[in-house]
N, C-alpha and C. Protein backbone atom coordinates (compact mmCIF):
# COMPACT_ATOMS: atom_id res chain seq x y z
N MET A 1 -6.70 7.30 -18.51
CA MET A 1 -5.99 8.55 -17.83
C MET A 1 -4.66 8.04 -17.73
N ARG A 2 -3.58 8.93 -18.00
CA ARG A 2 -2.07 8.71 -17.81
C ARG A 2 -1.58 9.39 -16.62
N ILE A 3 -0.74 8.81 -16.12
CA ILE A 3 0.09 9.46 -14.88
C ILE A 3 1.58 9.04 -15.21
N GLU A 4 2.53 10.16 -15.36
CA GLU A 4 3.80 9.89 -15.59
C GLU A 4 4.57 10.49 -14.19
N GLY A 5 5.65 9.90 -13.76
CA GLY A 5 6.24 10.46 -12.82
C GLY A 5 7.79 9.84 -12.72
N ILE A 6 8.17 10.28 -11.68
CA ILE A 6 9.85 9.80 -11.44
C ILE A 6 9.83 8.77 -10.23
N VAL A 7 10.57 7.85 -10.46
CA VAL A 7 10.71 6.55 -9.50
C VAL A 7 11.48 7.24 -8.27
N SER A 8 10.88 6.96 -7.20
CA SER A 8 11.62 7.41 -5.81
C SER A 8 11.63 6.49 -4.75
N SER A 9 12.57 6.40 -3.93
CA SER A 9 12.48 5.55 -2.96
C SER A 9 11.54 5.98 -1.53
N GLY A 10 10.88 4.79 -1.07
CA GLY A 10 10.09 4.89 0.18
C GLY A 10 10.77 4.84 1.36
N LEU A 11 10.05 4.68 2.35
CA LEU A 11 10.50 4.26 3.75
C LEU A 11 10.89 2.87 3.91
N GLY A 12 10.63 2.18 2.74
CA GLY A 12 11.11 0.72 2.85
C GLY A 12 10.20 -0.19 3.86
N ARG A 13 8.96 0.29 4.30
CA ARG A 13 8.08 -0.39 5.06
C ARG A 13 6.95 -1.17 4.55
N ALA A 14 6.85 -0.82 3.26
CA ALA A 14 5.39 -1.35 2.58
C ALA A 14 5.54 -2.95 2.58
N HIS A 15 6.63 -3.54 2.56
CA HIS A 15 6.69 -5.05 2.82
C HIS A 15 6.06 -5.59 4.09
N ILE A 16 6.13 -4.88 5.12
CA ILE A 16 5.43 -5.28 6.20
C ILE A 16 3.77 -5.30 6.01
N PHE A 17 3.24 -4.50 5.27
CA PHE A 17 1.89 -4.37 4.91
C PHE A 17 1.57 -5.48 3.64
N MET A 18 2.48 -5.18 2.63
CA MET A 18 2.17 -6.03 1.43
C MET A 18 2.06 -7.65 1.61
N SER A 19 3.02 -7.99 2.56
CA SER A 19 3.25 -9.56 2.69
C SER A 19 2.04 -10.09 3.58
N GLN A 20 1.30 -9.27 4.16
CA GLN A 20 0.06 -9.89 5.05
C GLN A 20 -1.02 -10.75 4.21
N HIS A 21 -1.11 -11.98 4.60
CA HIS A 21 -2.10 -13.12 3.82
C HIS A 21 -3.39 -12.18 3.66
N HIS A 22 -4.04 -11.61 4.42
CA HIS A 22 -5.40 -10.92 4.32
C HIS A 22 -5.26 -10.02 2.97
N TYR A 23 -4.07 -9.20 2.95
CA TYR A 23 -4.20 -8.31 2.02
C TYR A 23 -3.91 -9.14 0.49
N GLN A 24 -3.08 -10.00 0.42
CA GLN A 24 -2.55 -10.89 -0.80
C GLN A 24 -3.73 -11.49 -1.36
N GLU A 25 -4.56 -12.11 -0.48
CA GLU A 25 -5.95 -12.64 -1.09
C GLU A 25 -6.63 -11.73 -1.51
N GLN A 26 -6.71 -10.58 -1.29
CA GLN A 26 -7.70 -9.63 -1.80
C GLN A 26 -6.90 -9.12 -3.10
N PHE A 27 -5.65 -8.94 -3.03
CA PHE A 27 -4.87 -8.50 -4.47
C PHE A 27 -5.16 -9.49 -5.48
N LYS A 28 -5.10 -11.15 -5.32
CA LYS A 28 -5.62 -11.85 -6.12
C LYS A 28 -6.63 -11.69 -6.81
N THR A 29 -7.82 -11.43 -6.16
CA THR A 29 -9.03 -10.93 -6.76
C THR A 29 -9.01 -9.96 -7.75
N ILE A 30 -8.10 -8.72 -7.34
CA ILE A 30 -8.21 -7.58 -8.17
C ILE A 30 -7.12 -7.72 -9.28
N ILE A 31 -5.89 -7.91 -9.20
CA ILE A 31 -4.90 -8.05 -9.93
C ILE A 31 -4.64 -9.39 -10.72
N GLY A 32 -5.52 -10.49 -10.21
CA GLY A 32 -5.25 -11.76 -10.80
C GLY A 32 -4.15 -12.58 -10.24
N ARG A 33 -3.31 -12.12 -9.39
CA ARG A 33 -2.40 -12.84 -8.66
C ARG A 33 -1.76 -12.28 -7.69
N SER A 34 -0.78 -12.82 -6.69
CA SER A 34 -0.20 -12.15 -5.77
C SER A 34 0.48 -10.86 -6.16
N ALA A 35 0.61 -9.92 -5.14
CA ALA A 35 1.29 -8.90 -5.45
C ALA A 35 2.84 -9.04 -4.80
N TRP A 36 3.84 -8.53 -5.52
CA TRP A 36 5.18 -8.21 -5.01
C TRP A 36 5.13 -7.76 -3.71
N PRO A 37 5.77 -8.12 -2.56
CA PRO A 37 5.59 -7.67 -1.20
C PRO A 37 6.40 -6.33 -1.15
N GLY A 38 5.81 -5.40 -1.61
CA GLY A 38 6.38 -3.95 -1.76
C GLY A 38 5.68 -3.21 -2.67
N THR A 39 5.82 -1.66 -2.61
CA THR A 39 5.28 -0.92 -3.60
C THR A 39 6.45 -0.07 -4.29
N LEU A 40 6.09 0.17 -5.60
CA LEU A 40 6.92 1.19 -6.17
C LEU A 40 6.44 2.63 -6.13
N ASN A 41 7.17 3.52 -5.53
CA ASN A 41 6.85 4.86 -5.30
C ASN A 41 7.17 5.85 -6.66
N VAL A 42 6.23 6.45 -7.14
CA VAL A 42 6.35 7.38 -8.29
C VAL A 42 6.02 8.80 -7.95
N LYS A 43 6.82 9.55 -7.82
CA LYS A 43 6.68 10.98 -7.57
C LYS A 43 6.00 11.80 -8.89
N VAL A 44 4.83 12.40 -8.55
CA VAL A 44 4.25 13.17 -9.47
C VAL A 44 4.10 14.47 -9.29
N GLU A 45 4.00 15.33 -10.41
CA GLU A 45 3.62 16.63 -10.41
C GLU A 45 2.94 17.31 -11.69
N GLY A 46 2.63 18.47 -11.78
CA GLY A 46 2.04 19.00 -12.82
C GLY A 46 0.54 18.28 -13.17
N GLU A 47 0.38 17.97 -14.42
CA GLU A 47 -0.91 17.36 -14.87
C GLU A 47 -1.08 15.98 -14.27
N SER A 48 -0.13 15.27 -14.04
CA SER A 48 -0.02 13.98 -13.55
C SER A 48 -0.37 13.95 -12.09
N LEU A 49 -0.17 15.03 -11.23
CA LEU A 49 -0.62 15.33 -9.84
C LEU A 49 -1.98 15.67 -9.75
N ILE A 50 -2.56 16.37 -11.05
CA ILE A 50 -3.95 16.61 -11.04
C ILE A 50 -4.54 15.46 -11.16
N GLU A 51 -4.27 14.41 -11.92
CA GLU A 51 -4.89 13.14 -12.43
C GLU A 51 -5.11 12.23 -10.92
N TYR A 52 -3.86 12.45 -10.23
CA TYR A 52 -3.63 11.58 -9.25
C TYR A 52 -4.55 11.99 -7.97
N ARG A 53 -4.76 13.39 -7.92
CA ARG A 53 -5.76 13.83 -6.88
C ARG A 53 -7.27 13.39 -7.13
N LYS A 54 -7.56 13.13 -8.65
CA LYS A 54 -8.83 12.63 -8.90
C LYS A 54 -8.88 11.39 -8.18
N LEU A 55 -7.92 10.51 -8.39
CA LEU A 55 -8.07 9.09 -7.80
C LEU A 55 -8.37 9.18 -6.34
N ARG A 56 -7.35 10.28 -5.50
CA ARG A 56 -7.62 10.29 -4.12
C ARG A 56 -8.91 10.72 -3.93
N VAL A 57 -9.57 11.61 -4.63
CA VAL A 57 -10.97 11.93 -4.39
C VAL A 57 -11.92 10.53 -4.49
N SER A 58 -11.60 9.79 -5.73
CA SER A 58 -12.67 8.57 -5.85
C SER A 58 -12.12 7.61 -4.60
N ALA A 59 -11.06 7.66 -3.88
CA ALA A 59 -10.71 6.63 -2.70
C ALA A 59 -11.54 7.44 -1.54
N GLY A 60 -11.89 8.65 -1.47
CA GLY A 60 -12.43 8.88 -0.44
C GLY A 60 -11.53 9.98 0.57
N LEU A 61 -10.53 10.22 -0.04
CA LEU A 61 -9.37 10.95 0.81
C LEU A 61 -9.47 12.39 0.75
N ASP A 62 -9.81 12.87 -0.50
CA ASP A 62 -9.94 14.33 -0.71
C ASP A 62 -11.19 14.70 -1.33
N GLU A 63 -11.51 15.91 -1.49
CA GLU A 63 -12.69 16.59 -1.97
C GLU A 63 -12.46 17.11 -3.30
N GLY A 64 -13.48 17.02 -4.21
CA GLY A 64 -13.24 17.31 -5.71
C GLY A 64 -13.80 16.59 -6.30
N THR A 65 -13.16 16.71 -7.90
CA THR A 65 -13.72 15.86 -8.94
C THR A 65 -13.34 14.44 -8.93
N GLU A 66 -14.03 13.47 -9.00
CA GLU A 66 -13.46 12.26 -9.12
C GLU A 66 -12.95 11.75 -10.38
N SER A 67 -12.24 10.50 -10.47
CA SER A 67 -11.41 10.28 -11.59
C SER A 67 -12.27 9.62 -12.75
N GLY A 68 -13.08 8.71 -12.36
CA GLY A 68 -14.13 8.05 -13.07
C GLY A 68 -13.55 6.57 -13.18
N ALA A 69 -12.47 6.38 -12.87
CA ALA A 69 -11.73 5.01 -12.60
C ALA A 69 -12.49 4.27 -11.64
N ILE A 70 -12.44 2.89 -12.12
CA ILE A 70 -13.25 1.83 -11.19
C ILE A 70 -12.33 1.61 -9.88
N ALA A 71 -12.89 1.79 -8.79
CA ALA A 71 -12.18 1.46 -7.64
C ALA A 71 -12.38 0.38 -6.99
N HIS A 72 -11.34 -0.33 -6.71
CA HIS A 72 -11.50 -1.72 -5.96
C HIS A 72 -11.09 -1.64 -4.42
N ARG A 73 -12.06 -1.88 -3.60
CA ARG A 73 -11.80 -1.76 -2.18
C ARG A 73 -10.97 -2.84 -1.51
N ILE A 74 -9.91 -2.62 -0.78
CA ILE A 74 -9.17 -3.53 -0.04
C ILE A 74 -9.56 -3.33 1.40
N LYS A 75 -9.91 -4.38 2.05
CA LYS A 75 -10.49 -4.23 3.37
C LYS A 75 -9.20 -4.27 4.32
N GLY A 76 -9.43 -3.57 5.33
CA GLY A 76 -8.24 -3.56 6.40
C GLY A 76 -8.72 -4.77 7.54
N PHE A 77 -7.93 -4.97 8.38
CA PHE A 77 -8.10 -6.24 9.45
C PHE A 77 -7.32 -5.87 10.62
N ASP A 78 -7.64 -6.63 11.64
CA ASP A 78 -6.87 -6.54 13.04
C ASP A 78 -6.15 -7.90 13.19
N ARG A 79 -4.92 -8.08 13.36
CA ARG A 79 -4.31 -9.24 13.87
C ARG A 79 -3.23 -8.87 14.84
N ASP A 80 -3.58 -9.89 16.11
CA ASP A 80 -2.81 -9.72 17.36
C ASP A 80 -2.59 -8.51 17.77
N GLY A 81 -3.72 -7.51 17.91
CA GLY A 81 -3.92 -6.38 18.47
C GLY A 81 -3.37 -5.16 17.52
N VAL A 82 -2.94 -5.64 16.51
CA VAL A 82 -2.31 -4.56 15.35
C VAL A 82 -3.45 -4.48 14.46
N SER A 83 -3.67 -3.28 14.09
CA SER A 83 -4.65 -2.79 12.90
C SER A 83 -3.87 -2.62 11.63
N PHE A 84 -4.43 -3.03 10.64
CA PHE A 84 -4.10 -3.12 9.45
C PHE A 84 -5.11 -2.25 8.61
N GLY A 85 -4.81 -1.19 8.12
CA GLY A 85 -5.96 -0.23 7.21
C GLY A 85 -6.31 -0.91 6.02
N GLY A 86 -7.39 -0.36 5.63
CA GLY A 86 -7.78 -0.63 4.16
C GLY A 86 -7.10 0.35 3.22
N ALA A 87 -7.52 0.11 1.90
CA ALA A 87 -7.05 0.74 1.05
C ALA A 87 -7.81 0.81 -0.30
N THR A 88 -7.60 1.56 -1.33
CA THR A 88 -8.43 1.64 -2.69
C THR A 88 -7.33 1.38 -3.68
N ALA A 89 -7.47 0.51 -4.62
CA ALA A 89 -6.80 0.04 -5.67
C ALA A 89 -7.46 0.26 -7.06
N PHE A 90 -6.81 0.76 -7.98
CA PHE A 90 -7.11 1.27 -9.33
C PHE A 90 -6.30 0.34 -10.19
N LEU A 91 -6.97 -0.39 -11.12
CA LEU A 91 -6.00 -1.18 -12.19
C LEU A 91 -5.37 -0.34 -13.24
N ALA A 92 -4.20 -0.65 -13.56
CA ALA A 92 -3.43 0.21 -14.56
C ALA A 92 -2.38 -0.74 -15.24
N GLN A 93 -1.79 -0.25 -16.43
CA GLN A 93 -0.62 -0.68 -16.80
C GLN A 93 0.52 0.17 -16.56
N PHE A 94 1.70 -0.56 -16.25
CA PHE A 94 2.91 0.19 -15.82
C PHE A 94 3.91 0.13 -17.02
N ILE A 95 4.33 1.09 -17.61
CA ILE A 95 5.00 1.16 -19.06
C ILE A 95 6.35 1.93 -18.72
N VAL A 96 7.41 1.22 -19.26
CA VAL A 96 8.70 1.89 -19.40
C VAL A 96 9.26 1.29 -20.51
N ASP A 97 9.53 2.32 -21.31
CA ASP A 97 10.26 1.85 -22.68
C ASP A 97 9.05 0.98 -23.38
N GLU A 98 9.54 -0.29 -23.76
CA GLU A 98 9.03 -1.21 -24.31
C GLU A 98 8.48 -2.14 -23.55
N THR A 99 8.53 -2.13 -22.27
CA THR A 99 8.10 -3.01 -21.44
C THR A 99 6.87 -2.65 -20.53
N SER A 100 5.69 -3.51 -20.28
CA SER A 100 4.50 -3.18 -19.69
C SER A 100 4.33 -4.16 -18.70
N HIS A 101 3.45 -4.09 -17.66
CA HIS A 101 3.10 -4.77 -16.71
C HIS A 101 1.62 -4.39 -16.17
N ASP A 102 0.84 -5.38 -16.01
CA ASP A 102 -0.52 -5.24 -15.33
C ASP A 102 0.01 -4.70 -13.72
N CYS A 103 -0.79 -3.88 -13.32
CA CYS A 103 -0.47 -3.26 -11.83
C CYS A 103 -1.79 -2.56 -11.58
N ALA A 104 -1.56 -2.17 -10.24
CA ALA A 104 -2.56 -1.26 -9.82
C ALA A 104 -2.13 -0.14 -8.84
N ILE A 105 -2.56 0.96 -9.04
CA ILE A 105 -2.36 2.03 -8.04
C ILE A 105 -3.03 1.68 -6.65
N LEU A 106 -2.22 1.92 -5.62
CA LEU A 106 -2.76 1.36 -4.35
C LEU A 106 -2.83 2.93 -3.46
N ILE A 107 -3.89 3.11 -2.80
CA ILE A 107 -3.95 4.22 -2.12
C ILE A 107 -4.46 3.92 -0.81
N PRO A 108 -3.49 3.86 0.33
CA PRO A 108 -4.05 3.46 1.56
C PRO A 108 -4.98 4.52 2.19
N ASP A 109 -5.78 3.98 3.20
CA ASP A 109 -6.71 4.93 3.77
C ASP A 109 -6.10 6.06 4.67
N LEU A 110 -4.96 5.46 5.15
CA LEU A 110 -4.14 6.32 5.93
C LEU A 110 -2.62 6.59 5.33
N THR A 111 -2.37 7.56 4.73
CA THR A 111 -1.12 7.90 3.95
C THR A 111 -0.75 9.30 3.98
N ARG A 112 0.61 9.45 4.18
CA ARG A 112 1.00 10.83 4.19
C ARG A 112 1.33 11.23 2.69
N HIS A 113 1.33 10.16 1.71
CA HIS A 113 1.78 10.63 0.49
C HIS A 113 0.60 11.46 -0.36
N GLU A 114 0.92 12.70 -0.77
CA GLU A 114 -0.08 13.44 -1.60
C GLU A 114 0.32 13.51 -2.96
N ASP A 115 1.61 13.52 -3.27
CA ASP A 115 2.28 13.57 -4.44
C ASP A 115 3.28 12.42 -4.86
N VAL A 116 2.88 11.32 -4.37
CA VAL A 116 3.69 10.05 -4.48
C VAL A 116 2.55 9.01 -4.69
N VAL A 117 2.76 8.39 -5.94
CA VAL A 117 1.75 7.35 -6.26
C VAL A 117 2.60 5.99 -5.89
N GLU A 118 1.69 5.04 -4.96
CA GLU A 118 2.32 3.71 -4.79
C GLU A 118 1.62 2.71 -5.94
N VAL A 119 2.54 1.91 -6.41
CA VAL A 119 2.26 0.98 -7.40
C VAL A 119 2.42 -0.45 -6.92
N ILE A 120 1.38 -1.36 -7.08
CA ILE A 120 1.72 -2.78 -6.85
C ILE A 120 1.64 -3.64 -8.01
N ALA A 121 2.33 -4.60 -8.13
CA ALA A 121 2.14 -5.49 -9.38
C ALA A 121 2.58 -7.00 -8.98
N GLY A 122 2.39 -7.95 -9.83
CA GLY A 122 2.86 -9.42 -9.48
C GLY A 122 4.39 -9.71 -9.68
N VAL A 123 5.01 -8.61 -9.88
CA VAL A 123 6.45 -8.77 -10.26
C VAL A 123 7.17 -7.40 -9.42
N PHE A 124 8.63 -7.63 -9.29
CA PHE A 124 9.25 -6.70 -8.73
C PHE A 124 9.51 -5.58 -9.75
N LEU A 125 8.94 -4.64 -9.88
CA LEU A 125 8.94 -3.69 -11.06
C LEU A 125 10.33 -3.10 -11.27
N ARG A 126 11.08 -2.76 -10.20
CA ARG A 126 12.48 -2.16 -10.38
C ARG A 126 13.45 -3.09 -11.13
N GLU A 127 13.33 -4.50 -10.71
CA GLU A 127 14.04 -5.52 -11.39
C GLU A 127 13.67 -5.74 -12.88
N SER A 128 12.29 -6.02 -12.83
CA SER A 128 11.63 -6.35 -13.88
C SER A 128 11.93 -5.45 -15.29
N CYS A 129 11.56 -4.35 -14.91
CA CYS A 129 11.87 -3.08 -15.79
C CYS A 129 13.00 -2.32 -15.97
N SER A 130 14.18 -3.04 -15.02
CA SER A 130 15.40 -2.12 -15.11
C SER A 130 15.54 -0.83 -14.69
N ILE A 131 14.69 -0.34 -13.46
CA ILE A 131 14.50 0.95 -13.32
C ILE A 131 15.02 1.33 -12.01
N GLN A 132 15.48 2.43 -11.86
CA GLN A 132 16.06 2.93 -10.51
C GLN A 132 15.54 4.20 -10.21
N ASP A 133 15.84 5.03 -8.92
CA ASP A 133 15.34 6.20 -8.60
C ASP A 133 15.74 7.18 -9.72
N GLY A 134 15.00 8.15 -9.79
CA GLY A 134 15.22 9.10 -10.94
C GLY A 134 14.78 8.87 -12.24
N ASP A 135 14.22 7.57 -12.57
CA ASP A 135 13.73 7.27 -13.98
C ASP A 135 12.28 7.69 -14.08
N THR A 136 11.88 8.05 -15.32
CA THR A 136 10.64 8.42 -15.52
C THR A 136 9.89 7.11 -16.11
N VAL A 137 8.66 7.17 -15.50
CA VAL A 137 7.71 5.85 -15.90
C VAL A 137 6.16 6.40 -16.12
N SER A 138 5.53 5.49 -16.87
CA SER A 138 4.28 5.90 -17.28
C SER A 138 3.29 4.87 -16.66
N ILE A 139 2.16 5.25 -16.12
CA ILE A 139 0.95 4.29 -15.71
C ILE A 139 -0.27 4.87 -16.26
N PHE A 140 -0.82 3.92 -17.03
CA PHE A 140 -2.07 4.03 -17.82
C PHE A 140 -3.11 3.29 -17.11
N LEU A 141 -4.34 4.13 -16.63
CA LEU A 141 -5.46 3.40 -15.96
C LEU A 141 -6.40 2.83 -16.79
N GLU A 142 -7.01 1.80 -16.50
CA GLU A 142 -7.98 1.15 -17.34
C GLU A 142 -9.29 1.87 -17.30
């Protein structure tokens, strides 16, 4: 499955969740290393949005046809009276021009994003791939 979209800025709050030790330990088992403490947002439309919706179905957020991609469960937890929700991750390759990185599409159980893919990786993708808002990127699911 290929998803193509446009890099866009988020709310800048993902680092609060991504830096949590409980999540990072789970990311290590899924992507093979700690994840950069943040996500890269990729806005999708057209055929890519159709493919992304299939992932959302596989994650249990929507009804319809599932993607067939292997879903990896990220368990939520409570810390100091604050609840950190679960998520579903799908392994992928992030590709820009000739640069590629192992990554995962992360779909939080509680999200307002219906047309924005959140990507996690072991590197800071914006810097490593020299990308900025408005650039087109591709994500290939394994």
